[in-house]
Amino acid sequence: MIRRAAARDRRFTLACYATAQLALLGWWLAFHPGLMSPDSVTYVAHVTTGPWVAGQSVAYDALLGLSLRVTGDLSPVTFLQTAAMAAALTHLAGAIRRLGVRGRPLLVAVGLAALSPPLGAFTVSMWKDVPFTVCAVLAAGTAVRLATRPGARSGARSRGRGVAGSAAWDGDRVEGVTGSVVRDASRKRGGAGRAAGRGGGGWGWDPRGGGWGWDPRFAALGAELLGLGLFRNNGFLVASIAAALLVVLLSGHPGARRWVAALAAGAVAAPLLLLGAGYPAMGIASPSRSFAYQTVFGDLAVAYGERPRLFDREQRALLAGIAPLDAWRRGATCQTMARVFFDPGFGHARAEQRISDVLELWRGLLARAPGMILSTRICRAALAWQVGSTSGEPGGELYRFSLGDPRLPDGWEGTPAASAMRQRPIFAGLLAAGLFALDASTVRQLEWLLWRAPFWCYLTYATAALVWWRTGSRAALAGAAVVAGQQIGVILTNTAPDFRFMVSPIFVGVLFVPLLLREAGALPPRR
């Protein structure tokens, strides 16, 4: 029985990966070498014409530069993205399956996620946000696995439905019905079964010692949290929020909490140290402070546009020295900071020179009118919190993809980088089908479902809460912690309603649907 269960797990893993990879491969063949945007040009410029500035993601810049040098093309990076995303979806699906969900509904969810026009096209886009999303999905799966523990499905809250008793013991590939077989075998063989479950599988819970020891999955979680900070300069905020929530959820297991806290601290500190000292030591310039604090200028524009009396004469002079006051009024939309920061009259050099004064002004506003600043931040974070579309509001139009060839800088024509950045679809029929599917998916009535993350965030939280209420297991809550980290982080960092900033919650939410249906009794338990 143990061998049959292990064989089923292997077949499920292979089926999930093959399904996701095949679907994503179709998107890659259609949009080869990948969808590009002005940001993509910036990445390539960093590693070709220079100067290399750490304003985006040095790690992603380096991947593109390596691909250009080794192959003369950029398509290997986007192909690697499809393989990594397929692996991440498989990893998360396997973690959810351990909670008692049948494999077939999960396989369908994986296929739908990979086939979804927004998610599939996103995966083959030349954006640093793609590996960031891969790391977030992987972290959600690892968190679910780490939080799964003995007795998670039993106890006072278990109502006899769901998957009660089916995941009451943590093995690596053997669980559910076979768990009882392993426990029986361990009694007969002097604990060998327990040792195999603990050591061979690498789970943190030690059923013999009654606590948490070292687990390779802790290292995996640390690497995934580190990836969040390496592929987005503000990703360390998401990592720190998610880790803090995980530490709370693991409150009953001090050993696990210590490991998670220590690894998360390292994962958060490393990108900050690289930005502050590591990258400059490698000859990579630090980003301008005005670029790093774009959201501050957006906050000031809204405050000046709505409540100009908050600013005295000296403060107005400060604003006028950076951009005409009319530009600040034009940029007074809470949905995006782009209208002021990229206004033709905005002086970026002057903003950099006066950035300390600007930050002091912002801190003063935060102390005098915290509601104004918080309201602006929440409005700008509507991408993560508001289910409905914001397209009817000034600056609220959702940015999706740039489907044509990007505009290249002067002097690039005829260079290897220029030829590598031209779309060369391998199958014209797939390109036509992909463009048709993307256009059809932009119907406004379905934006909340296909393009916006809030619905999927709330579905994930509801599912996790239902699992906890019915069974006492915090495993689904641990996966939801990663989603919450990104949703909360957007309040602090979001600059505009850009679809790519909140993609991982959509992936996670889609894969949580079978778990929700299982707990609601719409699907039979895993046998």
Protein backbone atom coordinates (compact mmCIF):
# COMPACT_ATOMS: atom_id res chain seq x y z
CA MET A 1 0.00 0.00 0.00
CA ILE A 2 2.86 2.37 0.80
CA ARG A 3 4.42 1.75 -2.61
CA ARG A 4 1.10 2.28 -4.35
CA ALA A 5 0.60 5.57 -2.50
CA ALA A 6 4.12 6.72 -3.40
CA ALA A 7 3.50 5.77 -7.03
CA ARG A 8 0.24 7.75 -7.03
CA ASP A 9 2.06 10.76 -5.63
CA ARG A 10 4.71 10.52 -8.33
CA ARG A 11 2.08 10.25 -11.04
CA PHE A 12 0.23 13.25 -9.62
CA THR A 13 3.43 15.32 -9.51
CA LEU A 14 4.34 14.42 -13.08
CA ALA A 15 0.80 15.04 -14.32
CA CYS A 16 0.66 18.48 -12.67
CA TYR A 17 4.03 19.53 -14.01
CA ALA A 18 3.36 18.23 -17.52
CA THR A 19 -0.04 19.93 -17.64
CA ALA A 20 1.30 23.30 -16.52
CA GLN A 21 4.43 23.12 -18.65
CA LEU A 22 2.53 22.14 -21.79
CA ALA A 23 0.05 25.00 -21.38
CA LEU A 24 2.76 27.55 -20.62
CA LEU A 25 4.86 26.27 -23.51
CA GLY A 26 1.98 27.20 -25.81
CA TRP A 27 2.13 30.79 -24.56
CA TRP A 28 5.90 30.82 -25.00
CA LEU A 29 5.67 29.57 -28.58
CA ALA A 30 3.00 32.17 -29.34
CA PHE A 31 4.82 35.20 -27.92
CA HIS A 32 8.43 34.07 -28.47
CA PRO A 33 10.83 35.34 -27.23
CA GLY A 34 8.38 36.89 -24.75
CA LEU A 35 6.14 39.88 -24.12
CA MET A 36 8.13 43.05 -23.46
CA SER A 37 7.54 46.48 -22.01
CA PRO A 38 9.60 49.64 -21.44
CA ASP A 39 10.86 48.00 -18.26
CA SER A 40 12.24 45.14 -20.36
CA VAL A 41 14.28 47.64 -22.37
CA THR A 42 15.61 49.11 -19.13
CA TYR A 43 16.73 45.68 -17.91
CA VAL A 44 18.62 44.96 -21.12
CA ALA A 45 20.13 48.45 -21.22
CA HIS A 46 21.56 47.90 -17.75
CA VAL A 47 23.64 44.93 -18.93
CA THR A 48 24.51 46.16 -22.44
CA THR A 49 24.90 49.89 -23.00
CA GLY A 50 24.76 50.77 -19.30
CA PRO A 51 24.93 52.31 -16.85
CA TRP A 52 23.84 49.44 -14.62
CA VAL A 53 21.60 50.87 -11.92
CA ALA A 54 20.07 48.79 -9.12
CA GLY A 55 16.67 50.39 -9.61
CA GLN A 56 14.86 47.28 -10.82
CA SER A 57 16.28 43.81 -10.04
CA VAL A 58 19.99 43.18 -10.36
CA ALA A 59 19.34 39.43 -10.24
CA TYR A 60 16.93 39.58 -13.20
CA ASP A 61 19.22 41.96 -15.09
CA ALA A 62 22.02 39.44 -14.62
CA LEU A 63 19.88 36.58 -15.95
CA LEU A 64 19.10 38.54 -19.11
CA GLY A 65 22.73 39.56 -19.53
CA LEU A 66 23.92 35.98 -19.11
CA SER A 67 21.38 34.76 -21.66
CA LEU A 68 22.50 37.37 -24.20
CA ARG A 69 26.16 36.53 -23.75
CA VAL A 70 25.76 32.75 -23.88
CA THR A 71 23.02 32.35 -26.49
CA GLY A 72 22.69 35.76 -28.13
CA ASP A 73 18.98 35.67 -27.33
CA LEU A 74 16.58 36.38 -24.47
CA SER A 75 14.13 33.52 -25.04
CA PRO A 76 15.99 31.09 -22.71
CA VAL A 77 15.01 33.33 -19.77
CA THR A 78 11.31 33.31 -20.61
CA PHE A 79 11.42 29.57 -21.26
CA LEU A 80 13.04 29.09 -17.86
CA GLN A 81 10.20 31.15 -16.41
CA THR A 82 7.65 28.66 -17.79
CA ALA A 83 9.56 25.75 -16.26
CA ALA A 84 9.87 27.50 -12.91
CA MET A 85 6.19 28.48 -12.83
CA ALA A 86 5.13 24.94 -13.70
CA ALA A 87 7.29 23.65 -10.85
CA ALA A 88 5.84 26.24 -8.44
CA LEU A 89 2.25 25.31 -9.31
CA THR A 90 3.08 21.63 -8.91
CA HIS A 91 4.70 22.32 -5.54
CA LEU A 92 1.65 24.21 -4.26
CA ALA A 93 -0.78 21.63 -5.64
CA GLY A 94 1.15 18.86 -3.88
CA ALA A 95 1.00 20.78 -0.60
CA ILE A 96 -2.77 21.27 -0.89
CA ARG A 97 -3.22 17.61 -1.79
CA ARG A 98 -1.67 16.71 1.56
CA LEU A 99 -4.67 18.36 3.19
CA GLY A 100 -6.87 15.65 1.75
CA VAL A 101 -7.92 17.12 -1.60
CA ARG A 102 -8.25 14.67 -4.46
CA GLY A 103 -5.68 14.94 -7.21
CA ARG A 104 -8.02 15.34 -10.16
CA PRO A 105 -9.63 18.65 -9.11
CA LEU A 106 -6.18 20.02 -8.31
CA LEU A 107 -4.92 18.94 -11.71
CA VAL A 108 -7.83 20.80 -13.32
CA ALA A 109 -7.02 23.91 -11.26
CA VAL A 110 -3.37 23.79 -12.32
CA GLY A 111 -4.39 23.48 -15.96
CA LEU A 112 -6.86 26.36 -15.75
CA ALA A 113 -4.29 28.60 -14.09
CA ALA A 114 -1.69 27.90 -16.77
CA LEU A 115 -4.21 28.30 -19.60
CA SER A 116 -5.67 31.55 -18.25
CA PRO A 117 -4.75 34.29 -20.77
CA PRO A 118 -3.65 36.82 -18.11
CA LEU A 119 -1.61 34.28 -16.12
CA GLY A 120 -0.17 32.43 -19.10
CA ALA A 121 0.87 35.59 -20.93
CA PHE A 122 2.29 37.02 -17.70
CA THR A 123 4.53 33.97 -17.26
CA VAL A 124 6.22 34.57 -20.62
CA SER A 125 6.65 38.31 -20.09
CA MET A 126 10.12 39.76 -19.67
CA TRP A 127 9.45 41.19 -16.24
CA LYS A 128 11.24 40.81 -12.93
CA ASP A 129 7.78 40.28 -11.46
CA VAL A 130 7.61 36.79 -12.98
CA PRO A 131 10.40 35.22 -10.86
CA PHE A 132 9.07 37.22 -7.90
CA THR A 133 5.69 35.54 -8.42
CA VAL A 134 7.32 32.13 -8.77
CA CYS A 135 9.03 32.64 -5.39
CA ALA A 136 5.73 33.72 -3.80
CA VAL A 137 3.85 30.66 -5.08
CA LEU A 138 6.68 28.39 -3.94
CA ALA A 139 6.69 30.06 -0.51
CA ALA A 140 2.94 29.49 -0.17
CA GLY A 141 3.40 25.79 -0.91
CA THR A 142 6.33 25.46 1.48
CA ALA A 143 4.41 27.26 4.23
CA VAL A 144 1.49 24.84 3.86
CA ARG A 145 3.84 21.87 4.12
CA LEU A 146 5.66 23.25 7.15
CA ALA A 147 2.45 24.01 9.00
CA THR A 148 1.05 20.54 8.39
CA ARG A 149 1.62 18.59 11.60
CA PRO A 150 0.46 15.50 13.48
CA GLY A 151 -3.14 15.76 14.58
CA ALA A 152 -3.82 18.74 12.36
CA ARG A 153 -7.05 17.19 11.13
CA SER A 154 -8.25 15.88 14.43
CA GLY A 155 -9.39 17.59 17.58
CA ALA A 156 -12.39 19.43 18.88
CA ARG A 157 -13.10 21.33 15.70
CA SER A 158 -13.15 18.29 13.41
CA ARG A 159 -16.79 17.68 12.46
CA GLY A 160 -16.32 14.33 10.77
CA ARG A 161 -16.40 15.82 7.30
CA GLY A 162 -13.62 17.26 5.19
CA VAL A 163 -10.52 15.16 5.46
CA ALA A 164 -10.56 14.41 9.16
CA GLY A 165 -8.03 11.79 9.98
CA SER A 166 -6.62 11.61 6.49
CA ALA A 167 -3.57 13.75 7.18
CA ALA A 168 -3.02 13.18 10.86
CA TRP A 169 0.59 12.17 10.47
CA ASP A 170 3.30 13.85 8.47
CA GLY A 171 5.33 11.72 6.15
CA ASP A 172 6.98 12.92 2.98
CA ARG A 173 5.17 11.05 0.27
CA VAL A 174 3.10 8.68 2.35
CA GLU A 175 0.15 10.07 4.24
CA GLY A 176 -3.61 9.80 4.52
CA VAL A 177 -4.79 6.20 4.61
CA THR A 178 -1.23 4.93 4.39
CA GLY A 179 -0.27 6.94 7.47
CA SER A 180 -1.92 4.40 9.72
CA VAL A 181 -0.09 1.62 7.90
CA VAL A 182 3.24 3.33 8.51
CA ARG A 183 2.42 3.89 12.16
CA ASP A 184 1.52 0.25 12.56
CA ALA A 185 4.69 -0.75 10.75
CA SER A 186 6.78 1.48 12.97
CA ARG A 187 5.50 -0.28 16.06
CA LYS A 188 6.41 -3.66 14.61
CA ARG A 189 9.84 -2.56 13.35
CA GLY A 190 11.07 -0.64 16.37
CA GLY A 191 10.23 2.81 15.09
CA ALA A 192 11.81 2.44 11.64
CA GLY A 193 8.67 3.78 10.03
CA ARG A 194 8.81 6.90 12.17
CA ALA A 195 12.45 7.43 11.35
CA ALA A 196 11.69 7.12 7.66
CA GLY A 197 8.87 9.62 7.96
CA ARG A 198 11.05 12.05 9.88
CA GLY A 199 14.44 11.72 8.27
CA GLY A 200 13.68 10.44 4.79
CA GLY A 201 10.95 12.96 4.22
CA GLY A 202 12.75 15.80 5.95
CA TRP A 203 9.70 17.07 7.83
CA GLY A 204 10.35 19.44 10.71
CA TRP A 205 8.09 17.64 13.19
CA ASP A 206 9.87 14.92 15.14
CA PRO A 207 7.18 12.43 16.28
CA ARG A 208 9.67 10.61 18.49
CA GLY A 209 11.06 13.70 20.22
CA GLY A 210 7.80 15.64 20.23
CA GLY A 211 9.20 18.82 18.72
CA TRP A 212 10.56 20.54 15.65
CA GLY A 213 14.12 19.92 14.49
CA TRP A 214 15.98 21.13 11.43
CA ASP A 215 14.04 20.65 8.24
CA PRO A 216 15.31 21.29 4.69
CA ARG A 217 11.98 22.98 4.04
CA PHE A 218 13.04 25.77 6.37
CA ALA A 219 15.97 26.41 4.02
CA ALA A 220 13.58 26.31 1.06
CA LEU A 221 11.32 28.88 2.71
CA GLY A 222 14.31 31.09 3.46
CA ALA A 223 15.46 30.90 -0.17
CA GLU A 224 11.96 31.70 -1.42
CA LEU A 225 11.65 34.71 0.88
CA LEU A 226 15.12 35.83 -0.23
CA GLY A 227 13.97 35.57 -3.85
CA LEU A 228 11.14 38.00 -3.12
CA GLY A 229 13.69 40.64 -2.15
CA LEU A 230 16.14 39.88 -4.95
CA PHE A 231 13.59 40.07 -7.76
CA ARG A 232 11.81 43.16 -6.41
CA ASN A 233 13.65 45.82 -4.48
CA ASN A 234 10.63 46.27 -2.22
CA GLY A 235 9.98 42.53 -1.99
CA PHE A 236 11.65 42.40 1.42
CA LEU A 237 8.49 44.04 2.80
CA VAL A 238 6.33 41.19 1.50
CA ALA A 239 8.80 38.68 2.91
CA SER A 240 8.87 40.32 6.34
CA ILE A 241 5.06 40.56 6.61
CA ALA A 242 4.54 36.97 5.47
CA ALA A 243 7.23 35.71 7.85
CA ALA A 244 5.73 37.62 10.79
CA LEU A 245 2.34 36.03 10.11
CA LEU A 246 3.93 32.59 9.84
CA VAL A 247 5.68 33.04 13.18
CA VAL A 248 2.30 33.80 14.76
CA LEU A 249 0.66 30.80 13.10
CA LEU A 250 3.43 28.53 14.38
CA SER A 251 2.94 29.84 17.93
CA GLY A 252 2.56 26.34 19.34
CA HIS A 253 5.96 25.25 18.04
CA PRO A 254 8.82 27.41 19.39
CA GLY A 255 11.46 25.51 17.42
CA ALA A 256 9.71 26.15 14.12
CA ARG A 257 9.15 29.79 15.03
CA ARG A 258 12.84 30.29 15.73
CA TRP A 259 13.88 28.76 12.42
CA VAL A 260 11.36 30.79 10.43
CA ALA A 261 12.24 34.03 12.23
CA ALA A 262 15.99 33.54 11.81
CA LEU A 263 15.81 32.60 8.15
CA ALA A 264 13.34 35.38 7.39
CA ALA A 265 15.61 37.92 9.08
CA GLY A 266 18.46 36.81 6.84
CA ALA A 267 16.24 36.85 3.76
CA VAL A 268 15.10 40.39 4.52
CA ALA A 269 18.53 41.74 5.48
CA ALA A 270 20.45 40.34 2.49
CA PRO A 271 18.74 42.41 -0.25
CA LEU A 272 19.03 45.56 1.88
CA LEU A 273 22.75 44.95 2.42
CA LEU A 274 23.22 44.35 -1.29
CA LEU A 275 21.44 47.58 -2.17
CA GLY A 276 23.37 49.56 0.41
CA ALA A 277 26.86 48.15 -0.03
CA GLY A 278 27.06 45.02 -2.16
CA TYR A 279 25.91 46.36 -5.52
CA PRO A 280 27.95 49.59 -5.32
CA ALA A 281 31.02 47.48 -4.54
CA MET A 282 30.35 45.57 -7.78
CA GLY A 283 30.16 48.79 -9.77
CA ILE A 284 26.35 48.82 -9.93
CA ALA A 285 25.00 52.28 -9.14
CA SER A 286 22.42 52.77 -6.43
CA PRO A 287 19.00 54.02 -7.59
CA SER A 288 18.20 57.65 -6.95
CA ARG A 289 16.37 58.33 -3.70
CA SER A 290 13.63 60.19 -5.57
CA PHE A 291 13.00 57.05 -7.64
CA ALA A 292 12.87 54.92 -4.50
CA TYR A 293 10.32 57.28 -2.92
CA GLN A 294 8.00 57.73 -5.91
CA THR A 295 4.96 57.03 -3.76
CA VAL A 296 5.80 60.00 -1.52
CA PHE A 297 5.42 62.39 -4.46
CA GLY A 298 2.06 60.80 -5.26
CA ASP A 299 0.93 61.32 -1.66
CA LEU A 300 1.98 64.97 -1.74
CA ALA A 301 0.18 65.59 -5.03
CA VAL A 302 -3.10 64.24 -3.66
CA ALA A 303 -2.72 66.18 -0.42
CA TYR A 304 -1.97 69.43 -2.26
CA GLY A 305 -4.78 68.89 -4.75
CA GLU A 306 -7.41 68.12 -2.12
CA ARG A 307 -6.24 70.13 0.91
CA PRO A 308 -3.84 72.87 -0.20
CA ARG A 309 -4.20 74.64 3.15
CA LEU A 310 -2.11 71.87 4.71
CA PHE A 311 0.92 73.51 3.04
CA ASP A 312 2.43 76.78 4.21
CA ARG A 313 4.26 79.23 1.95
CA GLU A 314 7.66 77.60 2.40
CA GLN A 315 6.28 74.15 1.68
CA ARG A 316 4.52 75.36 -1.45
CA ALA A 317 7.79 76.89 -2.58
CA LEU A 318 9.44 73.50 -2.10
CA LEU A 319 6.84 71.86 -4.32
CA ALA A 320 7.07 74.62 -6.92
CA GLY A 321 10.84 74.19 -7.06
CA ILE A 322 10.36 70.60 -8.19
CA ALA A 323 7.37 71.01 -10.52
CA PRO A 324 4.85 73.76 -11.28
CA LEU A 325 1.99 73.77 -8.81
CA ASP A 326 -0.37 73.06 -11.70
CA ALA A 327 1.54 69.80 -12.27
CA TRP A 328 0.93 68.83 -8.65
CA ARG A 329 -2.78 69.55 -9.12
CA ARG A 330 -2.89 67.52 -12.35
CA GLY A 331 -1.23 64.64 -10.52
CA ALA A 332 -3.73 64.72 -7.65
CA THR A 333 -5.24 61.31 -8.33
CA CYS A 334 -4.90 58.66 -5.65
CA GLN A 335 -4.87 55.78 -8.16
CA THR A 336 -1.36 56.42 -9.49
CA MET A 337 1.70 58.52 -8.76
CA ALA A 338 2.66 58.49 -12.47
CA ARG A 339 0.68 61.62 -13.33
CA VAL A 340 2.91 63.79 -11.19
CA PHE A 341 6.20 61.85 -11.20
CA PHE A 342 6.27 61.55 -15.00
CA ASP A 343 4.72 64.93 -15.75
CA PRO A 344 6.85 66.83 -18.32
CA GLY A 345 7.26 69.64 -15.82
CA PHE A 346 8.53 67.41 -13.01
CA GLY A 347 12.23 68.07 -12.38
CA HIS A 348 13.81 64.78 -11.38
CA ALA A 349 17.21 66.34 -10.75
CA ARG A 350 15.65 68.98 -8.49
CA ALA A 351 13.61 66.29 -6.72
CA GLU A 352 16.80 64.35 -6.02
CA GLN A 353 18.51 67.45 -4.63
CA ARG A 354 15.61 68.26 -2.30
CA ILE A 355 14.60 64.69 -1.40
CA SER A 356 15.48 65.12 2.29
CA ASP A 357 13.23 68.18 2.51
CA VAL A 358 10.49 66.32 0.62
CA LEU A 359 10.63 63.42 3.06
CA GLU A 360 10.53 65.82 6.00
CA LEU A 361 7.44 67.47 4.48
CA TRP A 362 5.80 64.07 4.00
CA ARG A 363 6.52 63.03 7.58
CA GLY A 364 5.01 66.27 8.82
CA LEU A 365 1.86 65.62 6.78
CA LEU A 366 1.70 62.10 8.16
CA ALA A 367 1.73 63.52 11.69
CA ARG A 368 -0.80 66.30 10.96
CA ALA A 369 -3.13 64.51 8.54
CA PRO A 370 -2.59 60.74 8.84
CA GLY A 371 -6.04 60.05 7.42
CA MET A 372 -5.14 61.81 4.18
CA ILE A 373 -1.95 59.78 3.68
CA LEU A 374 -3.58 56.49 4.66
CA SER A 375 -6.59 57.14 2.43
CA THR A 376 -4.29 57.86 -0.52
CA ARG A 377 -2.26 54.70 0.08
CA ILE A 378 -5.36 52.50 0.35
CA CYS A 379 -6.80 54.06 -2.79
CA ARG A 380 -3.55 53.42 -4.68
CA ALA A 381 -3.62 49.86 -3.36
CA ALA A 382 -7.11 49.22 -4.78
CA LEU A 383 -5.43 46.73 -7.11
CA ALA A 384 -5.03 44.50 -4.05
CA TRP A 385 -8.15 45.34 -2.05
CA GLN A 386 -11.03 46.42 -4.32
CA VAL A 387 -12.76 43.57 -6.15
CA GLY A 388 -14.43 45.81 -8.71
CA SER A 389 -12.72 47.71 -11.51
CA THR A 390 -11.25 51.18 -10.99
CA SER A 391 -11.13 51.92 -14.72
CA GLY A 392 -13.75 54.65 -14.45
CA GLU A 393 -11.65 56.67 -12.00
CA PRO A 394 -8.89 59.14 -12.98
CA GLY A 395 -5.67 57.16 -13.39
CA GLY A 396 -7.45 53.92 -12.48
CA GLU A 397 -7.16 52.16 -15.84
CA LEU A 398 -5.53 48.75 -15.28
CA TYR A 399 -2.21 48.28 -17.07
CA ARG A 400 -1.96 44.80 -18.55
CA PHE A 401 0.62 44.07 -21.27
CA SER A 402 2.49 45.76 -24.08
CA LEU A 403 1.78 43.47 -27.02
CA GLY A 404 3.98 45.06 -29.69
CA ASP A 405 7.73 45.41 -30.01
CA PRO A 406 9.11 47.86 -27.46
CA ARG A 407 10.50 51.22 -28.47
CA LEU A 408 14.28 50.95 -28.38
CA PRO A 409 16.73 53.73 -27.51
CA ASP A 410 18.48 55.61 -30.28
CA GLY A 411 21.57 53.83 -31.54
CA TRP A 412 20.33 50.32 -30.81
CA GLU A 413 19.38 49.43 -34.38
CA GLY A 414 21.49 46.60 -35.72
CA THR A 415 22.79 45.53 -32.31
CA PRO A 416 22.37 41.98 -30.94
CA ALA A 417 20.17 43.35 -28.16
CA ALA A 418 17.83 45.00 -30.67
CA SER A 419 17.37 41.82 -32.70
CA ALA A 420 16.82 39.81 -29.52
CA MET A 421 14.01 42.15 -28.47
CA ARG A 422 11.89 41.70 -31.58
CA GLN A 423 8.93 39.35 -31.39
CA ARG A 424 9.50 36.20 -33.41
CA PRO A 425 6.51 33.90 -32.86
CA ILE A 426 7.33 30.30 -33.69
CA PHE A 427 3.77 29.51 -34.75
CA ALA A 428 1.70 32.31 -36.27
CA GLY A 429 -1.49 30.40 -35.49
CA LEU A 430 -0.64 30.28 -31.80
CA LEU A 431 0.12 34.01 -31.83
CA ALA A 432 -3.27 34.75 -33.37
CA ALA A 433 -4.99 32.50 -30.82
CA GLY A 434 -3.08 34.08 -27.95
CA LEU A 435 -3.93 37.61 -29.03
CA PHE A 436 -7.59 36.62 -29.47
CA ALA A 437 -7.72 35.05 -26.00
CA LEU A 438 -6.05 38.05 -24.37
CA ASP A 439 -8.39 40.49 -26.06
CA ALA A 440 -11.44 38.41 -25.11
CA SER A 441 -10.28 38.30 -21.49
CA THR A 442 -10.24 42.09 -21.21
CA VAL A 443 -14.04 42.36 -21.17
CA ARG A 444 -14.70 44.72 -18.29
CA GLN A 445 -17.37 42.51 -16.69
CA LEU A 446 -14.75 39.81 -16.04
CA GLU A 447 -11.89 42.04 -14.93
CA TRP A 448 -12.58 41.23 -11.26
CA LEU A 449 -12.18 37.52 -11.95
CA LEU A 450 -9.41 37.30 -14.54
CA TRP A 451 -7.22 40.33 -13.90
CA ARG A 452 -7.74 41.51 -10.34
CA ALA A 453 -6.41 39.78 -7.24
CA PRO A 454 -8.76 40.88 -4.41
CA PHE A 455 -11.45 38.28 -5.10
CA TRP A 456 -8.82 35.55 -5.03
CA CYS A 457 -7.25 36.95 -1.85
CA TYR A 458 -10.58 36.84 -0.04
CA LEU A 459 -11.35 33.38 -1.40
CA THR A 460 -8.00 32.17 -0.08
CA TYR A 461 -8.65 33.65 3.36
CA ALA A 462 -12.17 32.21 3.50
CA THR A 463 -10.89 28.78 2.53
CA ALA A 464 -8.08 28.87 5.09
CA ALA A 465 -10.45 30.06 7.82
CA LEU A 466 -12.95 27.32 6.96
CA VAL A 467 -10.25 24.65 7.12
CA TRP A 468 -9.08 25.96 10.49
CA TRP A 469 -12.61 26.23 11.91
CA ARG A 470 -13.58 22.74 10.82
CA THR A 471 -10.37 20.92 11.62
CA GLY A 472 -8.05 23.05 13.75
CA SER A 473 -5.33 22.83 11.08
CA ARG A 474 -3.40 26.02 10.37
CA ALA A 475 -1.77 24.66 7.22
CA ALA A 476 -4.04 26.55 4.82
CA LEU A 477 -3.68 29.69 6.95
CA ALA A 478 0.09 29.41 6.52
CA GLY A 479 -0.30 29.44 2.75
CA ALA A 480 -2.68 32.39 3.02
CA ALA A 481 -0.04 34.27 5.05
CA VAL A 482 2.07 34.69 1.91
CA VAL A 483 -0.94 36.11 0.07
CA ALA A 484 -1.61 38.49 2.97
CA GLY A 485 2.02 39.60 2.95
CA GLN A 486 1.70 40.73 -0.63
CA GLN A 487 -1.73 42.29 -0.18
CA ILE A 488 -0.63 44.33 2.85
CA GLY A 489 2.70 45.20 1.28
CA VAL A 490 0.95 46.85 -1.66
CA ILE A 491 -0.38 49.56 0.68
CA LEU A 492 3.21 50.54 1.41
CA THR A 493 4.72 50.19 -2.05
CA ASN A 494 2.18 50.36 -4.88
CA THR A 495 2.76 53.04 -7.48
CA ALA A 496 0.00 52.39 -10.04
CA PRO A 497 -2.80 49.93 -10.97
CA ASP A 498 -0.48 47.47 -12.69
CA PHE A 499 -1.76 43.89 -13.06
CA ARG A 500 1.68 42.33 -12.60
CA PHE A 501 2.03 43.60 -9.04
CA MET A 502 -0.59 41.17 -7.68
CA VAL A 503 -0.39 37.97 -9.75
CA SER A 504 0.70 35.40 -7.17
CA PRO A 505 -2.55 35.70 -5.13
CA ILE A 506 -4.49 34.79 -8.29
CA PHE A 507 -2.39 31.65 -8.80
CA VAL A 508 -2.75 30.67 -5.14
CA GLY A 509 -6.47 31.42 -5.08
CA VAL A 510 -7.19 29.29 -8.14
CA LEU A 511 -5.41 26.31 -6.55
CA PHE A 512 -7.29 26.85 -3.28
CA VAL A 513 -10.65 26.39 -5.03
CA PRO A 514 -10.57 22.54 -4.82
CA LEU A 515 -9.79 22.83 -1.10
CA LEU A 516 -12.74 25.19 -0.62
CA LEU A 517 -15.05 22.84 -2.50
CA ARG A 518 -13.74 19.94 -0.45
CA GLU A 519 -14.40 21.65 2.86
CA ALA A 520 -17.81 22.80 1.65
CA GLY A 521 -18.69 19.19 0.90
CA ALA A 522 -18.95 19.63 -2.86
CA LEU A 523 -16.09 17.21 -3.49
CA PRO A 524 -15.44 13.80 -1.90
CA PRO A 525 -12.39 13.37 0.34
CA ARG A 526 -9.13 11.95 -0.85
CA ARG A 527 -8.93 8.21 -0.30
